[in-house]
Amino acid sequence: IAGWERERAERDAAIIGYKDLPSIWAAFPGKTFLNITPAKVDILVGKDQSRFSVNELTLWGQKCSVIQDSLLQDGEFKVDLRIKSTGRAPTFNITVTMTAKTLVLLMGKEGVHSGLINKKCYEMAFHLQCAQY
């Protein structure tokens, strides 16, 4: 996670263990993802396809649009979200990828294309998969 901060494309990042008892393995101090709860992790990885009501999800007190949900599909294992704007507030892209034991969450800064966020998130997930996580 520390290496991501150098490129300044990320607003927030975290690695969450979701097997058994969900817990935060790594996160930027003082940022949004540090406050994810086991209940929100369960919403993300739950097998119930209605877990996102009408392509919308509320995380960290902010409504998120579900852009693409293939987190539970073999070969994909990702969900793309976008924080909804309230008024003139900025919006941010979020990618969540899943490995056998972890969720990798990455939020881009304002104006950062989701493709860059996806690529970085996949790279970290691939590294974790190679390490049997």
N, C-alpha and C. Protein backbone atom coordinates (compact mmCIF):
# COMPACT_ATOMS: atom_id res chain seq x y z
N ILE A 1 0.83 -1.19 0.00
CA ILE A 1 0.00 0.00 0.00
C ILE A 1 0.87 1.24 0.00
N ALA A 2 1.98 1.23 0.71
CA ALA A 2 2.83 2.42 0.79
C ALA A 2 3.34 2.83 -0.59
N GLY A 3 3.63 1.87 -1.45
CA GLY A 3 4.12 2.18 -2.79
C GLY A 3 3.10 2.88 -3.66
N TRP A 4 1.81 2.63 -3.42
CA TRP A 4 0.76 3.26 -4.20
C TRP A 4 0.75 4.76 -3.98
N GLU A 5 1.04 5.20 -2.76
CA GLU A 5 0.91 6.61 -2.42
C GLU A 5 1.88 7.47 -3.23
N ARG A 6 3.00 6.93 -3.64
CA ARG A 6 3.98 7.70 -4.39
C ARG A 6 3.44 8.21 -5.71
N GLU A 7 2.61 7.44 -6.37
CA GLU A 7 2.11 7.84 -7.68
C GLU A 7 0.95 8.81 -7.59
N ARG A 8 0.39 9.01 -6.43
CA ARG A 8 -0.63 10.01 -6.16
C ARG A 8 -1.92 9.85 -6.97
N ALA A 9 -2.24 8.67 -7.38
CA ALA A 9 -3.50 8.44 -8.08
C ALA A 9 -4.58 7.96 -7.11
N GLU A 10 -4.16 7.52 -5.93
CA GLU A 10 -5.09 6.92 -4.98
C GLU A 10 -5.46 7.89 -3.87
N ARG A 11 -6.70 7.86 -3.54
CA ARG A 11 -7.21 8.62 -2.40
C ARG A 11 -7.21 7.73 -1.15
N ASP A 12 -7.45 6.43 -1.35
CA ASP A 12 -7.51 5.50 -0.23
C ASP A 12 -7.27 4.08 -0.75
N ALA A 13 -6.77 3.21 0.12
CA ALA A 13 -6.54 1.81 -0.24
C ALA A 13 -6.57 0.98 1.03
N ALA A 14 -6.97 -0.28 0.88
CA ALA A 14 -6.97 -1.21 2.02
C ALA A 14 -6.94 -2.64 1.52
N ILE A 15 -6.41 -3.50 2.36
CA ILE A 15 -6.49 -4.95 2.15
C ILE A 15 -7.25 -5.49 3.36
N ILE A 16 -8.34 -6.18 3.06
CA ILE A 16 -9.23 -6.69 4.09
C ILE A 16 -9.27 -8.21 4.02
N GLY A 17 -9.01 -8.88 5.13
CA GLY A 17 -9.21 -10.32 5.20
C GLY A 17 -10.70 -10.57 5.40
N TYR A 18 -11.32 -11.42 4.57
CA TYR A 18 -12.77 -11.61 4.68
C TYR A 18 -13.16 -13.02 5.12
N LYS A 19 -12.25 -13.94 5.20
CA LYS A 19 -12.57 -15.30 5.64
C LYS A 19 -12.73 -15.32 7.16
N ASP A 20 -13.62 -16.15 7.63
CA ASP A 20 -13.91 -16.28 9.06
C ASP A 20 -14.33 -14.93 9.64
N LEU A 21 -13.46 -14.27 10.37
CA LEU A 21 -13.79 -12.98 10.98
C LEU A 21 -13.13 -11.87 10.15
N PRO A 22 -13.91 -11.06 9.42
CA PRO A 22 -13.32 -10.00 8.60
C PRO A 22 -12.47 -9.04 9.44
N SER A 23 -11.31 -8.68 8.89
CA SER A 23 -10.43 -7.74 9.58
C SER A 23 -9.60 -6.96 8.58
N ILE A 24 -9.14 -5.81 8.99
CA ILE A 24 -8.31 -4.95 8.15
C ILE A 24 -6.87 -5.42 8.28
N TRP A 25 -6.26 -5.79 7.16
CA TRP A 25 -4.87 -6.22 7.17
C TRP A 25 -3.94 -5.04 6.94
N ALA A 26 -4.36 -4.12 6.08
CA ALA A 26 -3.54 -2.94 5.79
C ALA A 26 -4.46 -1.83 5.29
N ALA A 27 -4.17 -0.60 5.69
CA ALA A 27 -4.97 0.55 5.25
C ALA A 27 -4.19 1.83 5.53
N PHE A 28 -4.51 2.87 4.77
CA PHE A 28 -3.92 4.18 5.03
C PHE A 28 -4.48 4.71 6.35
N PRO A 29 -3.63 5.19 7.24
CA PRO A 29 -4.12 5.75 8.50
C PRO A 29 -5.03 6.96 8.27
N GLY A 30 -6.10 7.02 9.04
CA GLY A 30 -6.98 8.18 8.99
C GLY A 30 -7.87 8.28 7.77
N LYS A 31 -7.90 7.27 6.92
CA LYS A 31 -8.70 7.32 5.70
C LYS A 31 -9.99 6.52 5.87
N THR A 32 -10.83 6.60 4.86
CA THR A 32 -12.17 6.01 4.89
C THR A 32 -12.17 4.50 5.07
N PHE A 33 -11.36 3.77 4.31
CA PHE A 33 -11.41 2.31 4.34
C PHE A 33 -10.99 1.73 5.69
N LEU A 34 -10.29 2.49 6.49
CA LEU A 34 -9.88 2.03 7.81
C LEU A 34 -11.10 1.75 8.69
N ASN A 35 -12.23 2.34 8.34
CA ASN A 35 -13.45 2.21 9.15
C ASN A 35 -14.44 1.18 8.62
N ILE A 36 -14.03 0.33 7.69
CA ILE A 36 -14.97 -0.66 7.15
C ILE A 36 -15.31 -1.67 8.26
N THR A 37 -16.57 -2.02 8.31
CA THR A 37 -17.05 -2.94 9.35
C THR A 37 -17.22 -4.34 8.78
N PRO A 38 -17.21 -5.36 9.64
CA PRO A 38 -17.48 -6.72 9.16
C PRO A 38 -18.82 -6.82 8.43
N ALA A 39 -19.82 -6.05 8.85
CA ALA A 39 -21.13 -6.08 8.18
C ALA A 39 -21.01 -5.60 6.74
N LYS A 40 -20.21 -4.56 6.49
CA LYS A 40 -20.03 -4.06 5.12
C LYS A 40 -19.23 -5.04 4.29
N VAL A 41 -18.25 -5.70 4.90
CA VAL A 41 -17.51 -6.75 4.19
C VAL A 41 -18.46 -7.86 3.78
N ASP A 42 -19.35 -8.25 4.69
CA ASP A 42 -20.34 -9.29 4.38
C ASP A 42 -21.25 -8.88 3.22
N ILE A 43 -21.61 -7.61 3.14
CA ILE A 43 -22.42 -7.13 2.02
C ILE A 43 -21.66 -7.29 0.71
N LEU A 44 -20.38 -6.94 0.72
CA LEU A 44 -19.58 -7.04 -0.51
C LEU A 44 -19.40 -8.47 -0.97
N VAL A 45 -19.14 -9.40 -0.06
CA VAL A 45 -18.84 -10.78 -0.46
C VAL A 45 -20.02 -11.73 -0.34
N GLY A 46 -21.16 -11.24 0.12
CA GLY A 46 -22.34 -12.10 0.28
C GLY A 46 -22.78 -12.71 -1.03
N LYS A 47 -23.24 -13.93 -0.97
CA LYS A 47 -23.68 -14.63 -2.18
C LYS A 47 -25.06 -14.19 -2.65
N ASP A 48 -25.77 -13.45 -1.82
CA ASP A 48 -27.09 -12.96 -2.19
C ASP A 48 -26.94 -11.85 -3.23
N GLN A 49 -27.38 -12.12 -4.45
CA GLN A 49 -27.21 -11.16 -5.53
C GLN A 49 -28.01 -9.87 -5.33
N SER A 50 -28.92 -9.87 -4.38
CA SER A 50 -29.67 -8.65 -4.12
C SER A 50 -28.95 -7.77 -3.10
N ARG A 51 -27.70 -8.08 -2.83
CA ARG A 51 -26.95 -7.33 -1.83
C ARG A 51 -26.80 -5.86 -2.19
N PHE A 52 -26.87 -5.57 -3.46
CA PHE A 52 -26.85 -4.19 -3.91
C PHE A 52 -28.27 -3.85 -4.34
N SER A 53 -28.92 -2.97 -3.63
CA SER A 53 -30.30 -2.63 -3.97
C SER A 53 -30.32 -1.66 -5.14
N VAL A 54 -30.91 -2.09 -6.23
CA VAL A 54 -31.07 -1.29 -7.45
C VAL A 54 -29.74 -0.62 -7.83
N ASN A 55 -28.69 -1.42 -7.92
CA ASN A 55 -27.37 -0.94 -8.33
C ASN A 55 -26.85 0.19 -7.46
N GLU A 56 -27.18 0.13 -6.19
CA GLU A 56 -26.72 1.16 -5.27
C GLU A 56 -26.30 0.50 -3.96
N LEU A 57 -25.30 1.06 -3.34
CA LEU A 57 -24.77 0.52 -2.11
C LEU A 57 -24.35 1.70 -1.24
N THR A 58 -24.59 1.63 0.04
CA THR A 58 -24.13 2.68 0.95
C THR A 58 -22.95 2.14 1.74
N LEU A 59 -21.81 2.76 1.56
CA LEU A 59 -20.60 2.41 2.28
C LEU A 59 -20.03 3.66 2.91
N TRP A 60 -19.57 3.55 4.13
CA TRP A 60 -18.93 4.68 4.81
C TRP A 60 -19.83 5.91 4.84
N GLY A 61 -21.15 5.67 4.91
CA GLY A 61 -22.10 6.77 4.97
C GLY A 61 -22.31 7.48 3.65
N GLN A 62 -21.75 6.95 2.57
CA GLN A 62 -21.89 7.58 1.25
C GLN A 62 -22.54 6.59 0.29
N LYS A 63 -23.46 7.11 -0.51
CA LYS A 63 -24.10 6.26 -1.52
C LYS A 63 -23.13 6.05 -2.68
N CYS A 64 -23.08 4.81 -3.12
CA CYS A 64 -22.22 4.44 -4.24
C CYS A 64 -23.06 3.82 -5.34
N SER A 65 -22.77 4.20 -6.57
CA SER A 65 -23.37 3.55 -7.73
C SER A 65 -22.55 2.31 -8.05
N VAL A 66 -23.23 1.22 -8.36
CA VAL A 66 -22.55 0.00 -8.78
C VAL A 66 -22.40 0.07 -10.29
N ILE A 67 -21.17 0.23 -10.75
CA ILE A 67 -20.90 0.35 -12.19
C ILE A 67 -20.86 -1.04 -12.82
N GLN A 68 -20.11 -1.95 -12.21
CA GLN A 68 -20.02 -3.32 -12.70
C GLN A 68 -19.83 -4.24 -11.50
N ASP A 69 -20.63 -5.28 -11.41
CA ASP A 69 -20.53 -6.22 -10.31
C ASP A 69 -20.24 -7.61 -10.86
N SER A 70 -18.98 -8.01 -10.79
CA SER A 70 -18.61 -9.37 -11.16
C SER A 70 -17.71 -9.96 -10.08
N LEU A 71 -17.91 -9.51 -8.85
CA LEU A 71 -17.08 -9.95 -7.73
C LEU A 71 -17.18 -11.45 -7.50
N LEU A 72 -18.35 -12.03 -7.72
CA LEU A 72 -18.54 -13.45 -7.45
C LEU A 72 -18.49 -14.31 -8.70
N GLN A 73 -18.03 -13.76 -9.82
CA GLN A 73 -17.93 -14.51 -11.07
C GLN A 73 -16.51 -15.02 -11.26
N ASP A 74 -16.38 -16.31 -11.57
CA ASP A 74 -15.06 -16.88 -11.81
C ASP A 74 -14.34 -16.11 -12.90
N GLY A 75 -13.08 -15.83 -12.65
CA GLY A 75 -12.26 -15.13 -13.63
C GLY A 75 -12.33 -13.62 -13.53
N GLU A 76 -13.29 -13.09 -12.86
CA GLU A 76 -13.44 -11.63 -12.73
C GLU A 76 -13.07 -11.18 -11.33
N PHE A 77 -13.91 -11.50 -10.37
CA PHE A 77 -13.67 -11.18 -8.97
C PHE A 77 -13.45 -9.70 -8.70
N LYS A 78 -14.32 -8.84 -9.27
CA LYS A 78 -14.19 -7.41 -8.99
C LYS A 78 -15.54 -6.73 -9.04
N VAL A 79 -15.60 -5.61 -8.37
CA VAL A 79 -16.77 -4.74 -8.44
C VAL A 79 -16.25 -3.31 -8.58
N ASP A 80 -16.85 -2.58 -9.50
CA ASP A 80 -16.51 -1.17 -9.70
C ASP A 80 -17.63 -0.33 -9.15
N LEU A 81 -17.27 0.61 -8.31
CA LEU A 81 -18.23 1.52 -7.68
C LEU A 81 -17.84 2.96 -7.97
N ARG A 82 -18.78 3.84 -7.82
CA ARG A 82 -18.49 5.27 -7.91
C ARG A 82 -19.30 5.96 -6.83
N ILE A 83 -18.60 6.74 -6.00
CA ILE A 83 -19.29 7.49 -4.95
C ILE A 83 -20.18 8.52 -5.62
N LYS A 84 -21.44 8.56 -5.21
CA LYS A 84 -22.39 9.53 -5.77
C LYS A 84 -22.10 10.91 -5.21
N SER A 85 -22.26 11.88 -6.05
CA SER A 85 -22.03 13.27 -5.65
C SER A 85 -23.22 13.80 -4.87
N THR A 86 -22.93 14.56 -3.84
CA THR A 86 -23.97 15.29 -3.13
C THR A 86 -23.69 16.76 -3.38
N GLY A 87 -24.59 17.39 -4.10
CA GLY A 87 -24.36 18.78 -4.48
C GLY A 87 -23.24 18.86 -5.49
N ARG A 88 -22.26 19.66 -5.19
CA ARG A 88 -21.10 19.82 -6.08
C ARG A 88 -19.87 19.08 -5.57
N ALA A 89 -20.08 18.19 -4.64
CA ALA A 89 -18.97 17.42 -4.09
C ALA A 89 -18.35 16.54 -5.17
N PRO A 90 -17.05 16.30 -5.09
CA PRO A 90 -16.40 15.44 -6.08
C PRO A 90 -16.86 13.99 -5.95
N THR A 91 -16.69 13.23 -7.01
CA THR A 91 -16.98 11.79 -7.00
C THR A 91 -15.67 11.04 -7.19
N PHE A 92 -15.66 9.80 -6.75
CA PHE A 92 -14.45 9.00 -6.80
C PHE A 92 -14.78 7.59 -7.26
N ASN A 93 -13.89 7.00 -8.06
CA ASN A 93 -14.03 5.61 -8.49
C ASN A 93 -13.43 4.70 -7.42
N ILE A 94 -14.09 3.57 -7.19
CA ILE A 94 -13.60 2.57 -6.26
C ILE A 94 -13.61 1.22 -6.98
N THR A 95 -12.52 0.48 -6.84
CA THR A 95 -12.47 -0.90 -7.33
C THR A 95 -12.22 -1.81 -6.15
N VAL A 96 -12.96 -2.91 -6.11
CA VAL A 96 -12.77 -3.94 -5.10
C VAL A 96 -12.47 -5.24 -5.85
N THR A 97 -11.33 -5.86 -5.55
CA THR A 97 -11.01 -7.17 -6.12
C THR A 97 -10.94 -8.18 -4.99
N MET A 98 -11.20 -9.43 -5.33
CA MET A 98 -11.26 -10.49 -4.33
C MET A 98 -10.27 -11.59 -4.67
N THR A 99 -9.53 -12.03 -3.66
CA THR A 99 -8.67 -13.21 -3.78
C THR A 99 -9.28 -14.29 -2.89
N ALA A 100 -8.55 -15.37 -2.70
CA ALA A 100 -9.08 -16.47 -1.88
C ALA A 100 -9.35 -16.06 -0.44
N LYS A 101 -8.60 -15.08 0.07
CA LYS A 101 -8.75 -14.69 1.47
C LYS A 101 -8.93 -13.19 1.69
N THR A 102 -8.73 -12.39 0.66
CA THR A 102 -8.73 -10.94 0.86
C THR A 102 -9.62 -10.19 -0.12
N LEU A 103 -9.96 -8.99 0.28
CA LEU A 103 -10.52 -7.98 -0.61
C LEU A 103 -9.50 -6.86 -0.69
N VAL A 104 -9.23 -6.41 -1.90
CA VAL A 104 -8.36 -5.25 -2.10
C VAL A 104 -9.27 -4.11 -2.53
N LEU A 105 -9.26 -3.02 -1.78
CA LEU A 105 -10.09 -1.86 -2.07
C LEU A 105 -9.19 -0.70 -2.45
N LEU A 106 -9.53 -0.03 -3.51
CA LEU A 106 -8.74 1.11 -3.97
C LEU A 106 -9.68 2.20 -4.45
N MET A 107 -9.52 3.39 -3.91
CA MET A 107 -10.30 4.56 -4.32
C MET A 107 -9.37 5.55 -5.00
N GLY A 108 -9.73 5.95 -6.21
CA GLY A 108 -8.93 6.93 -6.93
C GLY A 108 -9.23 8.34 -6.48
N LYS A 109 -8.29 9.21 -6.72
CA LYS A 109 -8.52 10.63 -6.45
C LYS A 109 -9.49 11.18 -7.49
N GLU A 110 -10.00 12.36 -7.24
CA GLU A 110 -10.92 13.00 -8.16
C GLU A 110 -10.27 13.12 -9.54
N GLY A 111 -11.01 12.71 -10.57
CA GLY A 111 -10.53 12.83 -11.94
C GLY A 111 -9.66 11.68 -12.42
N VAL A 112 -9.30 10.74 -11.54
CA VAL A 112 -8.49 9.60 -11.95
C VAL A 112 -9.39 8.56 -12.60
N HIS A 113 -9.04 8.15 -13.81
CA HIS A 113 -9.84 7.21 -14.60
C HIS A 113 -9.91 5.85 -13.89
N SER A 114 -11.08 5.23 -13.97
CA SER A 114 -11.29 3.94 -13.31
C SER A 114 -10.36 2.86 -13.86
N GLY A 115 -9.94 2.97 -15.11
CA GLY A 115 -9.03 1.98 -15.69
C GLY A 115 -7.71 1.91 -14.94
N LEU A 116 -7.20 3.05 -14.52
CA LEU A 116 -5.95 3.08 -13.75
C LEU A 116 -6.16 2.45 -12.38
N ILE A 117 -7.28 2.75 -11.76
CA ILE A 117 -7.58 2.18 -10.45
C ILE A 117 -7.75 0.66 -10.57
N ASN A 118 -8.46 0.20 -11.60
CA ASN A 118 -8.63 -1.24 -11.83
C ASN A 118 -7.28 -1.93 -11.97
N LYS A 119 -6.41 -1.36 -12.79
CA LYS A 119 -5.10 -1.97 -13.04
C LYS A 119 -4.31 -2.12 -11.75
N LYS A 120 -4.25 -1.07 -10.97
CA LYS A 120 -3.49 -1.12 -9.72
C LYS A 120 -4.10 -2.11 -8.73
N CYS A 121 -5.41 -2.15 -8.68
CA CYS A 121 -6.09 -3.07 -7.77
C CYS A 121 -5.83 -4.52 -8.19
N TYR A 122 -5.91 -4.80 -9.50
CA TYR A 122 -5.62 -6.14 -10.01
C TYR A 122 -4.18 -6.55 -9.71
N GLU A 123 -3.24 -5.61 -9.86
CA GLU A 123 -1.84 -5.93 -9.60
C GLU A 123 -1.63 -6.37 -8.15
N MET A 124 -2.22 -5.66 -7.22
CA MET A 124 -2.09 -6.04 -5.81
C MET A 124 -2.78 -7.37 -5.55
N ALA A 125 -3.96 -7.57 -6.12
CA ALA A 125 -4.68 -8.84 -5.94
C ALA A 125 -3.87 -10.00 -6.52
N PHE A 126 -3.25 -9.79 -7.67
CA PHE A 126 -2.42 -10.83 -8.28
C PHE A 126 -1.25 -11.18 -7.37
N HIS A 127 -0.60 -10.17 -6.81
CA HIS A 127 0.51 -10.39 -5.88
C HIS A 127 0.04 -11.22 -4.68
N LEU A 128 -1.12 -10.88 -4.14
CA LEU A 128 -1.66 -11.62 -2.99
C LEU A 128 -2.01 -13.06 -3.37
N GLN A 129 -2.58 -13.26 -4.58
CA GLN A 129 -2.91 -14.61 -5.04
C GLN A 129 -1.65 -15.46 -5.17
N CYS A 130 -0.59 -14.87 -5.70
CA CYS A 130 0.68 -15.60 -5.85
C CYS A 130 1.26 -16.00 -4.50
N ALA A 131 0.94 -15.23 -3.47
CA ALA A 131 1.41 -15.53 -2.11
C ALA A 131 0.41 -16.41 -1.35
N GLN A 132 -0.54 -17.00 -2.08
CA GLN A 132 -1.55 -17.89 -1.50
C GLN A 132 -2.54 -17.20 -0.58
N TYR A 133 -2.76 -15.92 -0.81
CA TYR A 133 -3.78 -15.19 -0.07
C TYR A 133 -4.96 -14.93 -0.98
